[in-house]
Protein backbone atom coordinates (compact mmCIF):
# COMPACT_ATOMS: atom_id res chain seq x y z
CA MET A 1 -16.21 60.86 -21.01
CA TYR A 2 -12.80 61.85 -19.65
CA LYS A 3 -13.96 61.13 -16.06
CA LEU A 4 -15.34 57.75 -17.14
CA LYS A 5 -12.04 56.76 -18.77
CA ARG A 6 -10.10 57.86 -15.70
CA ARG A 7 -12.36 55.77 -13.45
CA LEU A 8 -11.93 52.73 -15.67
CA CYS A 9 -8.14 53.13 -15.64
CA LEU A 10 -8.17 53.49 -11.86
CA PHE A 11 -10.30 50.37 -11.51
CA ALA A 12 -7.95 48.37 -13.78
CA ALA A 13 -4.94 49.53 -11.76
CA VAL A 14 -6.57 48.35 -8.53
CA LEU A 15 -7.21 44.93 -10.06
CA ILE A 16 -3.58 44.64 -11.18
CA CYS A 17 -2.29 45.56 -7.70
CA PHE A 18 -4.60 43.03 -6.10
CA ALA A 19 -3.37 40.30 -8.46
CA LEU A 20 0.23 41.15 -7.62
CA LEU A 21 -0.50 40.94 -3.89
CA VAL A 22 -2.14 37.52 -4.29
CA SER A 23 0.82 36.31 -6.35
CA CYS A 24 3.26 37.39 -3.65
CA ALA A 25 1.19 35.70 -0.95
CA ASP A 26 1.16 32.44 -2.91
CA GLU A 27 4.93 32.48 -3.28
CA ASP A 28 5.39 32.92 0.46
CA GLY A 29 2.63 30.54 1.52
CA ASN A 30 2.80 26.82 2.26
CA VAL A 31 2.14 24.47 -0.63
CA SER A 32 1.42 20.84 0.11
CA GLY A 33 1.21 17.90 -2.27
CA ASN A 34 -2.01 16.06 -2.98
CA ALA A 35 -2.33 12.32 -3.59
CA SER A 36 -5.54 12.22 -5.59
CA ASP A 37 -7.99 9.37 -5.55
CA GLY A 38 -7.69 7.06 -8.52
CA ILE A 39 -10.54 6.09 -10.77
CA VAL A 40 -9.20 2.75 -11.92
CA SER A 41 -11.13 -0.13 -10.38
CA ASP A 42 -9.22 -2.31 -7.92
CA ILE A 43 -7.70 -5.55 -9.12
CA ASN A 44 -6.37 -8.58 -7.33
CA SER A 45 -2.81 -8.44 -6.02
CA PRO A 46 -0.27 -9.11 -8.78
CA GLY A 47 2.51 -11.64 -8.48
CA ASP A 48 5.47 -11.20 -6.15
CA GLU A 49 7.11 -7.88 -6.80
CA THR A 50 10.27 -6.83 -5.04
CA LEU A 51 9.97 -3.50 -3.26
CA ASP A 52 12.77 -0.97 -3.39
CA ASP A 53 14.02 0.64 -0.17
CA ASN A 54 16.59 2.68 -2.09
CA SER A 55 14.24 5.36 -3.37
CA PRO A 56 15.95 8.73 -2.72
CA PHE A 57 14.04 10.77 -0.16
CA ASP A 58 14.93 14.10 -1.77
CA GLU A 59 13.14 13.21 -4.99
CA THR A 60 9.76 12.43 -3.43
CA MET A 61 6.90 14.35 -1.90
CA ASP A 62 7.56 14.74 1.82
CA ILE A 63 4.30 15.49 3.58
CA SER A 64 4.58 16.05 7.32
CA PRO A 65 1.51 15.56 9.56
CA ASP A 66 0.58 19.25 9.83
CA GLU A 67 0.82 19.68 6.04
CA THR A 68 -1.21 16.64 5.00
CA PRO A 69 -4.13 17.70 2.78
CA ASP A 70 -7.59 16.85 4.11
CA GLU A 71 -8.36 14.89 0.97
CA ASN A 72 -5.61 12.41 1.95
CA SER A 73 -7.39 11.50 5.19
CA PRO A 74 -9.62 8.40 5.24
CA ASP A 75 -13.33 8.95 5.71
CA GLU A 76 -13.46 6.44 8.57
CA THR A 77 -12.19 7.23 12.06
CA ILE A 78 -10.71 4.28 13.94
CA ASP A 79 -10.51 4.17 17.72
CA LEU A 80 -7.66 2.20 19.23
CA THR A 81 -9.30 0.47 22.19
CA ASP A 82 -7.90 -2.00 24.67
CA ASP A 83 -8.65 -5.56 23.62
CA ASP A 84 -7.17 -9.03 23.79
CA LEU A 85 -5.33 -8.96 20.45
CA GLY A 86 -1.96 -9.05 22.19
CA GLN A 87 -2.92 -11.43 25.00
CA LEU A 88 -3.40 -14.69 23.08
CA ASN A 89 -0.65 -17.20 23.98
CA ALA A 90 -1.95 -20.31 22.22
CA PHE A 91 -3.68 -21.01 18.91
CA PRO A 92 -3.89 -24.30 16.92
CA MET A 93 -1.35 -24.22 14.08
CA THR A 94 0.77 -26.48 11.92
CA PHE A 95 4.36 -25.69 11.05
CA THR A 96 6.01 -27.32 8.05
CA LYS A 97 9.49 -27.36 6.59
CA ILE A 98 8.64 -27.06 2.91
CA SER A 99 12.32 -27.10 1.90
CA ASP A 100 15.69 -26.00 3.22
CA SER A 101 14.81 -22.47 2.12
CA LEU A 102 11.11 -22.25 3.03
CA TYR A 103 9.03 -22.81 6.19
CA ARG A 104 5.26 -22.29 6.49
CA MET A 105 2.81 -21.81 9.34
CA GLU A 106 -0.84 -22.66 8.69
CA CYS A 107 -3.90 -21.94 10.85
CA VAL A 108 -7.49 -20.73 10.70
CA ALA A 109 -7.52 -17.14 9.44
CA PRO A 110 -9.48 -14.45 11.30
CA ASP A 111 -12.17 -14.62 8.60
CA GLY A 112 -12.55 -18.40 8.90
CA ASN A 113 -10.46 -19.29 5.85
CA THR A 114 -6.84 -20.52 6.02
CA LEU A 115 -3.91 -18.29 6.92
CA HIS A 116 -0.38 -18.95 5.65
CA LEU A 117 2.74 -17.28 7.04
CA THR A 118 6.08 -18.04 5.41
CA PHE A 119 9.72 -17.72 6.45
CA ASP A 120 12.15 -17.82 3.58
CA LYS A 121 15.90 -18.03 3.14
CA LYS A 122 17.76 -15.24 1.37
CA THR A 123 20.60 -15.97 -1.03
CA TRP A 124 23.12 -14.77 1.59
CA GLY A 125 21.78 -17.26 4.16
CA THR A 126 19.47 -15.47 6.62
CA TYR A 127 15.81 -16.36 7.13
CA ASN A 128 13.24 -13.53 7.16
CA ILE A 129 9.47 -13.22 7.37
CA GLY A 130 8.06 -13.83 3.91
CA SER A 131 4.34 -13.18 3.46
CA TRP A 132 0.88 -13.43 4.97
CA SER A 133 -1.75 -15.01 2.69
CA VAL A 134 -5.38 -16.02 3.07
CA VAL A 135 -6.33 -19.19 1.22
CA SER A 136 -9.98 -19.93 0.40
CA ASP A 137 -12.00 -21.96 -2.10
CA THR A 138 -11.72 -19.06 -4.54
CA GLY A 139 -7.92 -18.82 -4.41
CA THR A 140 -5.07 -17.19 -2.51
CA LYS A 141 -4.95 -13.55 -1.44
CA THR A 142 -1.46 -12.35 -0.59
CA LEU A 143 -1.96 -9.56 1.93
CA ALA A 144 1.51 -8.54 3.07
CA GLY A 145 5.10 -9.24 2.09
CA GLY A 146 6.38 -9.64 -1.42
CA GLY A 147 10.15 -9.86 -1.13
CA THR A 148 10.98 -6.98 1.21
CA ASP A 149 11.64 -6.29 4.88
CA TRP A 150 9.47 -6.67 7.95
CA GLU A 151 12.44 -6.77 10.29
CA TYR A 152 15.21 -4.19 10.73
CA VAL A 153 17.51 -2.69 8.12
CA PHE A 154 20.34 -0.23 8.83
CA ARG A 155 22.27 2.36 6.89
CA SER A 156 25.63 1.61 8.46
CA GLY A 157 29.24 2.62 7.92
CA LYS A 158 32.63 1.73 9.32
CA THR A 159 33.53 5.40 9.02
CA SER A 160 31.47 8.57 9.20
CA SER A 161 31.92 9.32 5.51
CA ASN A 162 29.69 6.70 3.87
CA TRP A 163 27.22 3.89 4.49
CA VAL A 164 25.81 0.66 3.03
CA TRP A 165 22.51 -1.11 3.60
CA SER A 166 22.96 -3.75 6.28
CA GLY A 167 20.50 -6.47 7.27
CA GLY A 168 16.95 -7.29 6.34
CA ASN A 169 16.39 -7.71 2.61
CA HIS A 170 19.67 -5.96 1.75
CA ASP A 171 22.34 -8.58 2.49
CA ASN A 172 25.46 -7.58 4.47
CA GLU A 173 24.36 -9.94 7.22
CA LEU A 174 26.07 -13.20 8.11
CA PHE A 175 23.87 -16.16 9.05
CA VAL A 176 24.98 -18.04 12.18
CA SER A 177 22.13 -20.37 13.18
CA ILE A 178 18.37 -20.89 13.34
CA ASP A 179 16.40 -23.13 15.70
CA PHE A 180 12.68 -23.86 16.01
CA TYR A 181 10.88 -24.54 19.30
CA ASN A 182 7.51 -25.43 20.72
CA GLY A 183 6.80 -22.06 22.31
CA LYS A 184 4.71 -23.56 25.13
CA THR A 185 7.25 -26.17 26.24
CA ASP A 186 10.50 -24.64 24.88
CA LYS A 187 11.25 -28.06 23.40
CA LYS A 188 13.42 -27.86 20.30
CA LEU A 189 11.71 -29.16 17.17
CA SER A 190 13.15 -31.71 14.79
CA LEU A 191 11.50 -30.82 11.50
CA GLN A 192 11.32 -33.23 8.58
CA THR A 193 10.74 -31.86 5.08
CA GLY A 194 7.07 -32.08 4.15
CA THR A 195 5.86 -33.29 7.55
CA PRO A 196 3.64 -30.79 9.44
CA VAL A 197 4.05 -30.40 13.21
CA ASP A 198 1.04 -29.43 15.36
CA LEU A 199 1.73 -26.52 17.70
CA GLU A 200 -0.06 -23.79 19.62
CA ASN A 201 2.92 -21.45 19.93
CA ILE A 202 5.97 -21.29 17.68
CA LYS A 203 9.29 -19.82 18.76
CA ILE A 204 12.10 -19.26 16.26
CA ILE A 205 15.56 -18.12 17.37
CA GLU A 206 17.91 -16.88 14.67
CA LYS A 207 21.46 -15.61 15.23
CA THR A 208 23.26 -13.39 12.73
CA LYS A 209 26.11 -10.88 12.47
CA LEU A 210 25.81 -7.54 10.68
CA HIS A 211 28.65 -6.30 8.48
CA TRP A 212 29.52 -3.61 5.92
CA GLY A 213 30.16 -5.91 2.97
CA ASP A 214 32.91 -8.21 4.26
CA PRO A 215 31.50 -11.18 6.23
CA ALA A 216 34.88 -11.49 7.97
CA ASP A 217 34.52 -7.98 9.38
CA THR A 218 31.27 -7.89 11.39
CA TYR A 219 30.19 -5.05 13.66
CA CYS A 220 27.14 -6.35 15.57
CA ASP A 221 25.94 -9.69 16.96
CA VAL A 222 22.18 -10.10 16.59
CA VAL A 223 19.72 -12.52 18.18
CA ARG A 224 16.18 -12.53 16.78
CA THR A 225 13.40 -14.29 18.67
CA TYR A 226 10.14 -14.68 16.74
CA THR A 227 6.97 -15.82 18.52
CA VAL A 228 4.05 -16.82 16.30
CA VAL A 229 0.58 -17.42 17.75
CA GLY A 230 -2.02 -17.71 15.01
CA SER A 231 -2.27 -14.37 13.20
CA ARG A 232 0.10 -12.57 15.58
CA ILE A 233 3.86 -12.31 15.11
CA SER A 234 6.12 -10.86 17.78
CA LEU A 235 9.82 -10.17 17.26
CA ASP A 236 12.39 -9.47 19.95
CA VAL A 237 15.81 -8.46 18.68
CA SER A 238 18.95 -8.14 20.83
CA TYR A 239 21.89 -6.18 19.39
CA GLU A 240 25.44 -6.20 20.76
CA TYR A 241 28.01 -4.05 18.95
CA THR A 242 31.43 -5.59 18.56
CA GLN A 243 32.91 -2.60 16.67
CA ASP A 244 32.23 1.12 16.49
CA CYS A 245 29.62 1.75 13.80
CA TYR A 246 28.08 4.87 12.28
CA HIS A 247 24.38 4.84 11.42
CA TRP A 248 22.17 7.05 9.28
CA LEU A 249 18.38 6.90 9.02
CA SER A 250 17.46 3.24 9.62
CA TYR A 251 14.40 1.13 10.34
CA THR A 252 13.83 -1.17 13.31
CA CYS A 253 10.39 -2.39 12.19
CA MET A 254 8.52 -2.28 8.89
CA PHE A 255 5.37 -3.63 7.26
CA PRO A 256 5.03 -4.11 3.49
CA VAL A 257 1.41 -4.45 2.40
CA TRP A 258 -0.44 -4.76 -0.89
CA LYS A 259 -2.49 -1.62 -1.57
CA ASN A 260 -5.78 -3.45 -1.95
CA TYR A 261 -5.42 -4.42 1.73
CA GLY A 262 -3.39 -1.46 2.95
CA ARG A 263 -4.47 1.78 1.31
CA TYR A 264 -5.19 3.50 4.65
CA CYS A 265 -2.92 3.99 7.65
CA TYR A 266 -3.98 5.30 11.08
CA PHE A 267 -1.33 6.53 13.54
CA PHE A 268 -1.55 6.32 17.35
CA ASN A 269 0.84 7.54 20.05
CA GLU A 270 1.96 5.77 23.24
CA GLU A 271 -1.23 6.86 25.01
CA LYS A 272 -3.25 5.16 22.24
CA GLU A 273 -4.53 8.53 21.05
CA SER A 274 -5.14 9.10 17.35
CA ILE A 275 -2.54 11.47 15.88
CA GLY A 276 -3.45 11.30 12.19
CA SER A 277 -4.26 9.11 9.22
CA VAL A 278 -3.47 8.95 5.52
CA LYS A 279 -5.09 7.63 2.37
CA THR A 280 -2.80 6.61 -0.49
CA TYR A 281 -3.41 6.18 -4.20
CA LYS A 282 -5.61 3.29 -5.25
CA GLN A 283 -4.15 0.11 -6.69
CA SER A 284 -2.89 0.71 -10.26
CA ASP A 285 -3.87 4.40 -10.27
CA PRO A 286 -2.19 5.84 -13.41
CA SER A 287 -1.73 9.20 -11.67
CA PHE A 288 0.38 7.61 -8.89
CA LYS A 289 3.23 9.69 -7.48
CA ASP A 290 5.80 8.33 -5.05
CA THR A 291 4.88 9.91 -1.68
CA PHE A 292 6.14 9.76 1.92
CA TYR A 293 3.88 10.68 4.84
CA LYS A 294 6.42 11.36 7.58
CA GLY A 295 6.85 12.69 11.08
CA TYR A 296 4.26 10.85 13.19
CA LYS A 297 5.21 10.09 16.81
CA ALA A 298 3.38 6.79 16.49
CA THR A 299 4.08 3.54 18.31
CA THR A 300 1.00 1.80 16.88
CA CYS A 301 -0.47 1.84 13.38
CA ILE A 302 -3.65 0.27 12.05
CA ILE A 303 -3.79 -0.44 8.32
CA LYS A 304 -6.68 -1.47 6.09
CA GLY A 305 -7.69 -1.44 2.42
CA ASP A 306 -10.62 -1.17 0.02
CA ILE A 307 -10.88 -4.91 -0.61
CA ASN A 308 -12.07 -6.86 2.44
CA PRO A 309 -12.11 -3.63 4.50
CA GLU A 310 -12.88 -5.73 7.57
CA TYR A 311 -9.29 -7.01 7.35
CA ARG A 312 -7.09 -4.99 9.70
CA PHE A 313 -3.37 -5.02 10.48
CA ARG A 314 -2.04 -3.65 13.75
CA VAL A 315 1.70 -2.98 13.95
CA ILE A 316 3.13 -2.08 17.36
CA VAL A 317 6.58 -1.03 18.54
CA SER A 318 6.84 -1.26 22.32
CA THR A 319 10.48 -0.19 22.82
CA VAL A 320 10.32 3.54 22.12
CA THR A 321 13.90 4.38 23.10
CA ASP A 322 15.74 1.42 21.56
CA SER A 323 13.54 1.17 18.45
CA LEU A 324 12.76 4.84 17.79
CA ASP A 325 15.33 6.83 19.80
CA ASP A 326 12.36 8.61 21.38
CA PHE A 327 11.38 10.12 18.01
CA LYS A 328 14.44 12.40 17.83
CA ASN A 329 14.84 12.09 14.05
CA PRO A 330 12.50 14.13 11.79
CA ASP A 331 11.17 11.11 9.87
CA LYS A 332 9.83 9.23 12.93
CA THR A 333 7.06 6.78 11.95
CA PHE A 334 5.95 7.11 8.34
CA TYR A 335 3.97 5.52 5.54
CA TRP A 336 5.38 5.22 2.04
CA ASP A 337 2.99 5.26 -0.94
CA MET A 338 5.64 3.31 -2.75
CA ASN A 339 4.36 2.18 -6.12
CA GLN A 340 1.15 1.32 -7.95
CA SER A 341 0.83 -1.98 -6.10
CA GLN A 342 2.19 -1.62 -2.57
CA ASN A 343 2.62 0.59 0.48
CA LYS A 344 5.06 0.24 3.35
CA LEU A 345 5.13 1.31 6.99
CA TYR A 346 8.41 2.33 8.67
CA PHE A 347 9.44 2.90 12.30
CA SER A 348 12.70 4.81 12.00
CA LYS A 349 15.80 5.49 14.06
CA TYR A 350 18.78 7.86 13.62
CA ARG A 351 19.00 10.95 11.42
CA SER A 352 19.43 11.06 7.65
CA ASP A 353 21.57 14.22 7.59
CA THR A 354 24.35 13.25 10.03
CA PRO A 355 25.84 9.94 11.26
CA THR A 356 25.20 8.60 14.75
CA LEU A 357 28.01 6.61 16.39
CA GLU A 358 27.21 3.39 18.22
CA LYS A 359 30.28 2.39 20.23
CA ALA A 360 31.61 -1.15 20.58
CA GLY A 361 29.96 -2.73 23.60
CA THR A 362 26.63 -0.95 23.06
CA LYS A 363 23.60 -3.19 23.63
CA PHE A 364 19.95 -2.55 22.95
CA ASP A 365 16.76 -4.59 22.55
CA THR A 366 13.68 -4.01 20.40
CA HIS A 367 10.18 -5.49 20.49
CA SER A 368 7.77 -5.36 17.53
CA THR A 369 4.39 -6.97 16.90
CA TRP A 370 2.32 -7.55 13.76
CA ILE A 371 -1.33 -8.63 14.16
CA PHE A 372 -3.83 -9.55 11.44
CA TYR A 373 -7.46 -9.48 12.58
CA VAL A 374 -11.01 -8.83 11.40
CA ASP A 375 -13.07 -5.90 12.68
């Protein structure tokens, strides 16, 4: 009996030691977050909802590519192959001045319905890309947009001690002028409210000045050139700094998309090789948690959703140095599982932990492309 008790005690002690070892290993091991699949059925996109770019990074899950759980990867693998998506230079469209604050392009959508693209005026005077929508006999599906940025936005400061949002959907940008052209002939358009103009290529040139809160104290002259050909938008931006300016983590291209049409994001490098993919929470999932998927050295992303999964969005940044600073900052290209309705893609520049000085006289140029197509 004594020997039996001693053996039992020895066995219990071994179990306790093993448990302690496992506990220590867990504390030292890597723990990654997990965005679980929702069980709530998808619903149609809600009304316009303004997205918030001010969410603090240090209060969210930050999942880098090598830590992304397998269950956050889409089931489908997408190959990025050479095609003619970026080669089209003409497509039948109409362009209409709806009002002084709203312009709309209309053409045949990739699925045979009608595609609308809007440009709208912000309260501080600049015009930005508004939204992409597909209009059919059954109604309107808003795919991308919703009151936030597609173009650039900068964290900028006059000194190295603080910053403000500058540009995009965040004000602190002075409107100078906007002109509309026939992109095939370069003839300037004279638009009358409510009268559509037939075009095959639309060119929009907008000039602005970035500032830190005082429109009389600008730091950068900006020229944006949009080219719209059907369901493809290209944007060339030229920056010329007129004052020294400090920048923190900023974005030179973005893409806000409704989750029903943008739950999945696939990342590709300059060589068009797949370097990862993520799957976000479903639309209206009650277990949603604000999540960033960061650190991809991606110049191209393909995005799709659960509703109309044949709908695809390709977002491309061609100017790796000027747009992305050759991926020197830790955030690089990332996808934000932002709220229960929407996701957002970011191509980032500069670091978040220390300011980068751009000297007066500095010039750089960026080129970004957004393409909506059906696969």
